[in-house]
Amino acid sequence: MIVHVPKTKTKKRMKMAKSQKFDEVLIEYVKFKEMLARDNYRKDSIKKRALDTTMPALMKDYLNSISGSGSHEHLSRNLSVEYVRETKMVLLKFCKVLKAKGYIIETMDLKEIGDDEVEHLHAYLTKKPISASHYSKHFVVMKTFVNWVIRVKRYEIINVFKSAKLSFGKQQKNWITQEEFSKLIEVTTAQNSVRVDKSGKKRYFYHSWLPAAFKIGLETGLRREEIMLLKWSNIREIIIKGNTCRILNINNLKVNRIMFSTDNGKYEKPIPITMSLQNLLIELGYEIKKNTDDYILERDPNMSTKYLMNELTRGFAHFIKYVTNRKIEFKDLRKTYISYLSLKLGDKTKMFTGHGDDQVIRDHYIAEAFIAANLSDFNLFD
């Protein structure tokens, strides 16, 4: 592609087109001319800004950035594999929707996304039988992506996804009762493990470590990955007034990944070891294994942490059906723990949950019905 520099006799700027299709090259050529005019026909602008603002280039840069492999380390974030995968899925789906409408994605500049393009995504999603939260997640991902482009790439465009009406209803924050949890541990056995799927194939959900994992989840409020990475060396002994007290001291994975793109950053969070948790740890072999780097939950060394996390979720979903018809998920153990903790500690709860804001705890973790149930003996005028 050759562009003559205005008000000169022989100066020109050249660049190889990315596509080999005439219609697409024509679009590239127009964008190339616009870019040169914007940069006063400087030679260095060709190398520095070529295709930087096309959708594929920006999407690739964004995915690299959130997965910790961006070109600028200080701008990269090492977010979870699952989060990156879901983000990539949404970005590709948006491209697929526009391609089906005749757009040439390869050369499309992000600033060309307007209300019409957002409407195409809306129309595609509303034709599918998906939940309101799943619908909204697509727009949250797109909005976050464009915000990143504006902030990190310093590209002055309007984020049209901000105007999309999201459908996040207020989610019910469930908790598990003492009776339900006791029953859950009772029914989590190899005998109750088998389920036959629609194709007639048997599926097995039991692992010997599941009951202990459920108990640790309830007693600590830790996330799946944190539970599976717990080691005996995470237990610290502290002498207070002559008494030996124990805590779990673990890496705050979420914060360290956001702040430092690593699992082992400077942020740690202490988890109190209650009497019931201490008894569980003793049952699991604390006296023999303390201070070692063995995992608290014994595992097959060939099993990845990701696989174990998924097995934990699947196992909980299977066995809880023997207990109740209420929709209780593994993550509700964390909500139960934080709800109990908030009754005991009030605004000090965040010291042990890893949160920096009381509002986050109130909005996402404390079950209002749980708090209400625990006010049954409250006397207003006492």
Protein backbone atom coordinates (compact mmCIF):
# COMPACT_ATOMS: atom_id res chain seq x y z
CA MET A 1 0.00 0.00 0.00
CA ILE A 2 1.54 3.30 -1.09
CA VAL A 3 0.42 6.72 0.11
CA HIS A 4 1.82 9.94 -1.38
CA VAL A 5 2.77 12.53 1.25
CA PRO A 6 0.83 15.77 0.48
CA LYS A 7 2.76 18.90 -0.50
CA THR A 8 5.81 16.91 -1.53
CA LYS A 9 6.96 15.72 -4.93
CA THR A 10 8.40 12.29 -4.22
CA LYS A 11 7.83 11.40 -0.58
CA LYS A 12 5.66 8.39 0.04
CA ARG A 13 4.83 5.95 2.80
CA MET A 14 4.52 2.21 2.15
CA LYS A 15 3.23 -0.75 4.10
CA MET A 16 2.43 -4.37 3.32
CA ALA A 17 -1.25 -5.21 3.57
CA LYS A 18 -2.21 -7.96 5.98
CA SER A 19 -4.95 -9.44 3.80
CA GLN A 20 -4.78 -10.77 0.26
CA LYS A 21 -8.43 -10.05 -0.53
CA PHE A 22 -9.01 -6.88 -2.50
CA ASP A 23 -12.03 -5.63 -0.49
CA GLU A 24 -10.18 -6.12 2.79
CA VAL A 25 -6.99 -4.49 1.47
CA LEU A 26 -9.07 -1.51 0.41
CA ILE A 27 -10.31 -1.10 3.98
CA GLU A 28 -6.75 -1.46 5.28
CA TYR A 29 -5.61 1.18 2.79
CA VAL A 30 -8.20 3.70 3.98
CA LYS A 31 -7.20 3.09 7.60
CA PHE A 32 -3.52 3.39 6.66
CA LYS A 33 -4.14 6.80 5.08
CA GLU A 34 -6.11 7.96 8.13
CA MET A 35 -3.34 6.83 10.48
CA LEU A 36 -0.65 8.65 8.47
CA ALA A 37 -2.68 11.85 8.35
CA ARG A 38 -3.26 11.66 12.09
CA ASP A 39 0.49 11.24 12.70
CA ASN A 40 1.55 13.92 10.23
CA TYR A 41 2.99 11.26 7.88
CA ARG A 42 5.87 10.36 10.21
CA LYS A 43 7.82 7.27 9.17
CA ASP A 44 7.99 5.87 12.68
CA SER A 45 4.20 5.87 12.97
CA ILE A 46 3.96 3.01 10.46
CA LYS A 47 5.89 0.62 12.66
CA LYS A 48 4.63 1.96 15.97
CA ARG A 49 0.91 2.10 15.31
CA ALA A 50 0.23 -0.38 12.52
CA LEU A 51 -2.88 -2.44 13.36
CA ASP A 52 -2.57 -1.59 17.07
CA THR A 53 -6.23 -0.63 17.24
CA THR A 54 -7.77 -3.45 15.27
CA MET A 55 -10.01 -5.73 17.29
CA PRO A 56 -7.90 -8.91 16.90
CA ALA A 57 -4.70 -7.10 17.96
CA LEU A 58 -6.26 -5.48 21.01
CA MET A 59 -8.05 -8.65 22.06
CA LYS A 60 -4.82 -10.62 21.82
CA ASP A 61 -2.96 -8.00 23.87
CA TYR A 62 -5.72 -8.02 26.50
CA LEU A 63 -5.73 -11.81 26.86
CA ASN A 64 -1.94 -11.80 27.17
CA SER A 65 -2.15 -9.09 29.80
CA ILE A 66 -4.68 -10.84 32.07
CA SER A 67 -2.88 -14.18 31.73
CA GLY A 68 0.42 -12.71 32.92
CA SER A 69 2.25 -12.88 29.59
CA GLY A 70 1.85 -9.28 28.43
CA SER A 71 4.73 -7.41 26.82
CA HIS A 72 4.83 -4.95 29.74
CA GLU A 73 5.25 -6.79 33.02
CA HIS A 74 4.01 -3.90 35.16
CA LEU A 75 0.69 -3.93 33.27
CA SER A 76 0.17 -7.70 33.30
CA ARG A 77 -2.14 -9.57 35.65
CA ASN A 78 -1.89 -13.28 36.34
CA LEU A 79 -5.62 -14.03 36.64
CA SER A 80 -7.02 -17.55 36.91
CA VAL A 81 -7.04 -19.88 33.92
CA GLU A 82 -10.81 -20.15 34.20
CA TYR A 83 -11.26 -16.37 34.11
CA VAL A 84 -8.99 -16.04 31.06
CA ARG A 85 -10.81 -18.90 29.32
CA GLU A 86 -14.24 -17.34 29.89
CA THR A 87 -12.97 -13.95 28.72
CA LYS A 88 -11.52 -15.46 25.55
CA MET A 89 -14.80 -17.28 24.89
CA VAL A 90 -16.81 -14.03 25.12
CA LEU A 91 -14.40 -12.08 22.90
CA LEU A 92 -14.44 -14.81 20.24
CA LYS A 93 -18.21 -15.02 20.42
CA PHE A 94 -18.52 -11.28 19.79
CA CYS A 95 -16.26 -11.62 16.75
CA LYS A 96 -18.30 -14.57 15.52
CA VAL A 97 -21.55 -12.60 15.83
CA LEU A 98 -20.16 -9.68 13.82
CA LYS A 99 -18.64 -11.97 11.19
CA ALA A 100 -22.05 -13.55 10.67
CA LYS A 101 -23.38 -10.05 9.99
CA GLY A 102 -20.78 -9.45 7.26
CA TYR A 103 -18.17 -7.50 9.21
CA ILE A 104 -14.50 -7.96 8.32
CA ILE A 105 -13.10 -8.55 11.79
CA GLU A 106 -9.44 -8.80 10.75
CA THR A 107 -9.26 -5.12 9.83
CA MET A 108 -12.03 -3.72 12.01
CA ASP A 109 -10.96 -0.92 14.32
CA LEU A 110 -12.31 -1.04 17.85
CA LYS A 111 -13.61 2.52 17.55
CA GLU A 112 -16.05 1.27 14.90
CA ILE A 113 -18.01 -0.59 17.57
CA GLY A 114 -21.21 1.32 18.21
CA ASP A 115 -24.75 0.69 19.34
CA ASP A 116 -25.56 -1.33 16.21
CA GLU A 117 -22.78 -3.81 16.95
CA VAL A 118 -23.79 -4.05 20.60
CA GLU A 119 -27.35 -4.72 19.47
CA HIS A 120 -26.14 -7.63 17.33
CA LEU A 121 -24.61 -9.26 20.42
CA HIS A 122 -27.79 -8.60 22.42
CA ALA A 123 -29.95 -10.15 19.70
CA TYR A 124 -27.72 -13.22 19.48
CA LEU A 125 -27.77 -13.81 23.22
CA THR A 126 -31.49 -13.29 23.68
CA LYS A 127 -32.23 -15.98 21.10
CA LYS A 128 -30.46 -18.48 23.37
CA PRO A 129 -32.02 -20.03 26.49
CA ILE A 130 -29.46 -18.53 28.87
CA SER A 131 -29.82 -17.08 32.35
CA ALA A 132 -29.89 -13.36 33.06
CA SER A 133 -26.54 -13.53 34.85
CA HIS A 134 -24.95 -15.42 31.93
CA TYR A 135 -26.28 -12.77 29.53
CA SER A 136 -24.89 -9.98 31.68
CA LYS A 137 -21.51 -11.67 31.99
CA HIS A 138 -20.93 -11.18 28.24
CA PHE A 139 -21.44 -7.44 28.53
CA VAL A 140 -19.33 -7.19 31.69
CA VAL A 141 -16.43 -8.90 29.87
CA MET A 142 -16.77 -6.62 26.84
CA LYS A 143 -17.02 -3.51 29.01
CA THR A 144 -13.94 -4.56 31.02
CA PHE A 145 -12.00 -5.23 27.82
CA VAL A 146 -12.78 -1.81 26.32
CA ASN A 147 -12.01 -0.09 29.63
CA TRP A 148 -8.61 -1.81 29.57
CA VAL A 149 -7.97 -0.54 26.04
CA ILE A 150 -8.86 3.02 27.09
CA ARG A 151 -6.77 2.87 30.26
CA VAL A 152 -3.73 0.85 29.20
CA LYS A 153 -3.54 1.53 25.46
CA ARG A 154 -4.66 5.14 26.00
CA TYR A 155 -6.99 4.84 23.04
CA GLU A 156 -9.58 7.61 23.14
CA ILE A 157 -12.81 5.84 22.30
CA ILE A 158 -16.27 5.62 23.85
CA ASN A 159 -17.10 2.43 25.73
CA VAL A 160 -20.51 1.70 24.22
CA PHE A 161 -20.88 -1.42 26.39
CA LYS A 162 -21.28 0.80 29.45
CA SER A 163 -24.77 1.73 28.30
CA ALA A 164 -25.99 -1.87 28.07
CA LYS A 165 -28.68 -2.69 30.59
CA LEU A 166 -27.46 -5.60 32.65
CA SER A 167 -29.73 -8.17 34.21
CA PHE A 168 -28.00 -8.96 37.47
CA GLY A 169 -30.80 -9.56 39.88
CA LYS A 170 -30.07 -9.61 43.58
CA GLN A 171 -28.70 -13.06 44.22
CA GLN A 172 -29.83 -15.12 47.15
CA LYS A 173 -26.90 -15.69 49.50
CA ASN A 174 -27.42 -19.24 50.73
CA TRP A 175 -25.87 -20.91 53.75
CA ILE A 176 -25.86 -24.46 55.05
CA THR A 177 -27.35 -25.38 58.42
CA GLN A 178 -25.60 -27.52 61.02
CA GLU A 179 -28.09 -30.33 60.44
CA GLU A 180 -27.63 -30.19 56.67
CA PHE A 181 -23.86 -30.23 56.94
CA SER A 182 -23.83 -33.17 59.36
CA LYS A 183 -26.09 -35.08 57.00
CA LEU A 184 -23.82 -34.17 54.06
CA ILE A 185 -20.79 -35.71 55.78
CA GLU A 186 -22.86 -38.79 56.62
CA VAL A 187 -23.98 -39.43 53.03
CA THR A 188 -20.62 -38.70 51.40
CA THR A 189 -19.67 -42.34 50.94
CA ALA A 190 -18.52 -44.64 48.15
CA GLN A 191 -21.91 -46.38 48.30
CA ASN A 192 -23.69 -43.14 47.36
CA SER A 193 -21.14 -42.22 44.72
CA VAL A 194 -22.65 -43.68 41.56
CA ARG A 195 -24.98 -41.79 39.26
CA VAL A 196 -26.20 -43.00 35.89
CA ASP A 197 -26.33 -40.26 33.25
CA LYS A 198 -28.83 -39.95 30.40
CA SER A 199 -26.74 -42.17 28.13
CA GLY A 200 -26.76 -44.95 30.74
CA LYS A 201 -23.10 -44.45 31.64
CA LYS A 202 -22.10 -44.71 35.29
CA ARG A 203 -20.32 -41.75 36.83
CA TYR A 204 -18.49 -41.82 40.17
CA PHE A 205 -18.20 -38.84 42.50
CA TYR A 206 -16.55 -40.13 45.66
CA HIS A 207 -12.98 -39.44 46.81
CA SER A 208 -11.68 -40.36 50.23
CA TRP A 209 -10.61 -36.75 50.85
CA LEU A 210 -14.03 -35.22 50.09
CA PRO A 211 -15.49 -35.21 53.65
CA ALA A 212 -12.34 -33.54 55.00
CA ALA A 213 -12.37 -31.00 52.13
CA PHE A 214 -16.00 -30.13 52.92
CA LYS A 215 -15.13 -29.65 56.59
CA ILE A 216 -12.11 -27.47 55.82
CA GLY A 217 -14.24 -25.40 53.44
CA LEU A 218 -16.78 -24.73 56.19
CA GLU A 219 -14.22 -24.23 58.98
CA THR A 220 -11.96 -21.82 57.06
CA GLY A 221 -14.07 -20.17 54.36
CA LEU A 222 -11.27 -20.82 51.87
CA ARG A 223 -11.80 -21.11 48.13
CA ARG A 224 -11.36 -24.42 46.31
CA GLU A 225 -7.83 -23.75 45.08
CA GLU A 226 -6.70 -22.52 48.49
CA ILE A 227 -8.01 -25.70 50.12
CA MET A 228 -6.27 -27.96 47.63
CA LEU A 229 -2.96 -26.11 48.07
CA LEU A 230 -3.00 -26.21 51.88
CA LYS A 231 0.16 -27.73 53.34
CA TRP A 232 1.07 -28.70 56.88
CA SER A 233 3.77 -26.02 56.77
CA ASN A 234 1.00 -23.39 56.51
CA ILE A 235 0.19 -24.01 60.17
CA ARG A 236 1.94 -21.56 62.48
CA GLU A 237 2.21 -21.93 66.26
CA ILE A 238 2.07 -18.73 68.31
CA ILE A 239 2.63 -18.44 72.06
CA ILE A 240 0.13 -16.08 73.70
CA LYS A 241 0.27 -15.66 77.49
CA GLY A 242 1.97 -19.00 77.81
CA ASN A 243 -0.60 -20.82 75.67
CA THR A 244 0.13 -22.30 72.26
CA CYS A 245 -2.29 -21.02 69.62
CA ARG A 246 -2.32 -22.08 65.97
CA ILE A 247 -3.28 -20.31 62.77
CA LEU A 248 -3.24 -21.15 59.08
CA ASN A 249 -1.06 -18.61 57.29
CA ILE A 250 -1.60 -18.80 53.53
CA ASN A 251 -0.84 -16.77 50.43
CA ASN A 252 -3.66 -14.49 49.43
CA LEU A 253 -3.77 -15.91 45.89
CA LYS A 254 -6.34 -13.50 44.53
CA VAL A 255 -4.63 -10.31 45.71
CA ASN A 256 -1.09 -11.49 44.89
CA ARG A 257 -2.09 -12.42 41.35
CA ILE A 258 -3.72 -9.06 40.78
CA MET A 259 -0.95 -7.02 42.37
CA PHE A 260 2.18 -8.98 41.46
CA SER A 261 1.14 -11.57 38.84
CA THR A 262 2.40 -14.32 41.11
CA ASP A 263 0.96 -16.74 43.66
CA ASN A 264 3.64 -15.98 46.24
CA GLY A 265 3.46 -12.23 46.74
CA LYS A 266 3.78 -10.28 49.96
CA TYR A 267 0.09 -10.56 50.84
CA GLU A 268 -0.88 -13.35 53.21
CA LYS A 269 -4.01 -13.97 55.21
CA PRO A 270 -4.28 -15.65 58.62
CA ILE A 271 -7.06 -18.15 59.22
CA PRO A 272 -7.95 -18.88 62.85
CA ILE A 273 -7.79 -22.56 63.78
CA THR A 274 -10.88 -23.17 65.89
CA MET A 275 -11.22 -26.09 68.29
CA SER A 276 -13.23 -28.10 65.76
CA LEU A 277 -10.74 -27.37 62.97
CA GLN A 278 -7.85 -28.33 65.25
CA ASN A 279 -9.53 -31.66 66.01
CA LEU A 280 -9.95 -32.26 62.27
CA LEU A 281 -6.27 -31.48 61.62
CA ILE A 282 -5.23 -33.89 64.37
CA GLU A 283 -7.42 -36.58 62.75
CA LEU A 284 -5.68 -35.93 59.42
CA GLY A 285 -2.22 -36.46 60.95
CA TYR A 286 -1.03 -33.11 62.30
CA GLU A 287 1.21 -34.55 65.03
CA ILE A 288 3.12 -36.64 62.49
CA LYS A 289 3.17 -34.27 59.52
CA LYS A 290 3.41 -30.80 61.06
CA ASN A 291 6.01 -28.49 59.48
CA THR A 292 6.29 -30.71 56.40
CA ASP A 293 5.52 -29.60 52.85
CA ASP A 294 2.99 -32.41 52.37
CA TYR A 295 -0.51 -31.40 51.33
CA ILE A 296 -3.04 -31.55 54.14
CA LEU A 297 -5.44 -33.35 51.81
CA GLU A 298 -3.55 -36.36 50.47
CA ARG A 299 -3.64 -36.59 46.71
CA ASP A 300 -2.47 -38.67 43.81
CA PRO A 301 0.65 -36.83 42.54
CA ASN A 302 -0.62 -37.30 38.98
CA MET A 303 -3.77 -35.26 39.70
CA SER A 304 -3.55 -31.54 38.94
CA THR A 305 -4.91 -28.91 41.30
CA LYS A 306 -7.41 -27.88 38.62
CA TYR A 307 -8.72 -31.45 38.37
CA LEU A 308 -9.05 -31.72 42.16
CA MET A 309 -10.90 -28.40 42.31
CA ASN A 310 -13.41 -29.62 39.74
CA GLU A 311 -13.83 -32.94 41.55
CA LEU A 312 -14.52 -31.05 44.77
CA THR A 313 -17.29 -29.02 43.12
CA ARG A 314 -18.78 -32.04 41.33
CA GLY A 315 -18.67 -34.12 44.49
CA PHE A 316 -20.41 -31.49 46.57
CA ALA A 317 -23.11 -30.99 43.93
CA HIS A 318 -23.73 -34.76 43.83
CA PHE A 319 -23.88 -35.52 47.56
CA ILE A 320 -25.84 -32.42 48.63
CA LYS A 321 -28.79 -33.79 46.66
CA TYR A 322 -29.06 -36.58 49.25
CA VAL A 323 -29.50 -33.89 51.90
CA THR A 324 -31.81 -31.16 50.64
CA ASN A 325 -33.73 -29.79 47.68
CA ARG A 326 -32.36 -26.33 48.40
CA LYS A 327 -29.86 -25.09 45.85
CA ILE A 328 -26.66 -25.14 47.91
CA GLU A 329 -23.27 -24.98 46.20
CA PHE A 330 -19.76 -25.53 47.54
CA LYS A 331 -19.12 -21.78 47.55
CA ASP A 332 -21.98 -21.42 50.05
CA LEU A 333 -19.74 -22.99 52.69
CA ARG A 334 -17.60 -19.86 52.41
CA LYS A 335 -20.69 -17.66 52.79
CA THR A 336 -21.73 -19.64 55.86
CA TYR A 337 -18.29 -19.23 57.44
CA ILE A 338 -18.21 -15.48 56.76
CA SER A 339 -21.77 -15.04 58.04
CA TYR A 340 -20.85 -16.73 61.35
CA LEU A 341 -17.63 -14.74 61.52
CA SER A 342 -19.48 -11.45 61.00
CA LEU A 343 -21.78 -12.21 63.95
CA LYS A 344 -18.74 -12.74 66.16
CA LEU A 345 -16.35 -10.08 64.84
CA GLY A 346 -18.46 -7.43 63.12
CA ASP A 347 -16.34 -5.04 61.04
CA LYS A 348 -13.17 -7.01 61.93
CA THR A 349 -14.34 -9.89 59.71
CA LYS A 350 -12.30 -8.70 56.72
CA MET A 351 -9.09 -9.35 58.69
CA PHE A 352 -9.61 -13.07 58.10
CA THR A 353 -11.36 -13.14 54.72
CA GLY A 354 -8.78 -11.27 52.65
CA HIS A 355 -11.20 -8.50 51.70
CA GLY A 356 -10.32 -4.85 51.96
CA ASP A 357 -13.88 -3.55 52.06
CA ASP A 358 -16.78 -4.27 54.42
CA GLN A 359 -19.22 -3.49 51.60
CA VAL A 360 -17.94 -6.43 49.52
CA ILE A 361 -18.55 -8.77 52.46
CA ARG A 362 -22.06 -7.41 53.03
CA ASP A 363 -23.02 -7.49 49.36
CA HIS A 364 -21.66 -10.90 48.40
CA TYR A 365 -21.13 -13.10 51.43
CA ILE A 366 -23.30 -12.43 54.46
CA ALA A 367 -26.61 -14.30 54.16
CA GLU A 368 -29.36 -12.00 55.42
CA ALA A 369 -31.64 -14.93 56.25
CA PHE A 370 -28.88 -16.44 58.36
CA ILE A 371 -28.47 -13.23 60.34
CA ALA A 372 -32.25 -12.99 60.79
CA ALA A 373 -32.43 -16.58 62.03
CA ASN A 374 -29.77 -15.86 64.64
CA LEU A 375 -31.78 -12.94 66.05
CA SER A 376 -34.57 -15.22 67.29
CA ASP A 377 -33.66 -14.59 70.94
CA PHE A 378 -33.17 -10.85 70.46
CA ASN A 379 -35.29 -8.61 72.70
CA LEU A 380 -35.75 -5.16 71.23
CA PHE A 381 -35.99 -3.27 74.54
CA ASP A 382 -33.39 -5.19 76.54
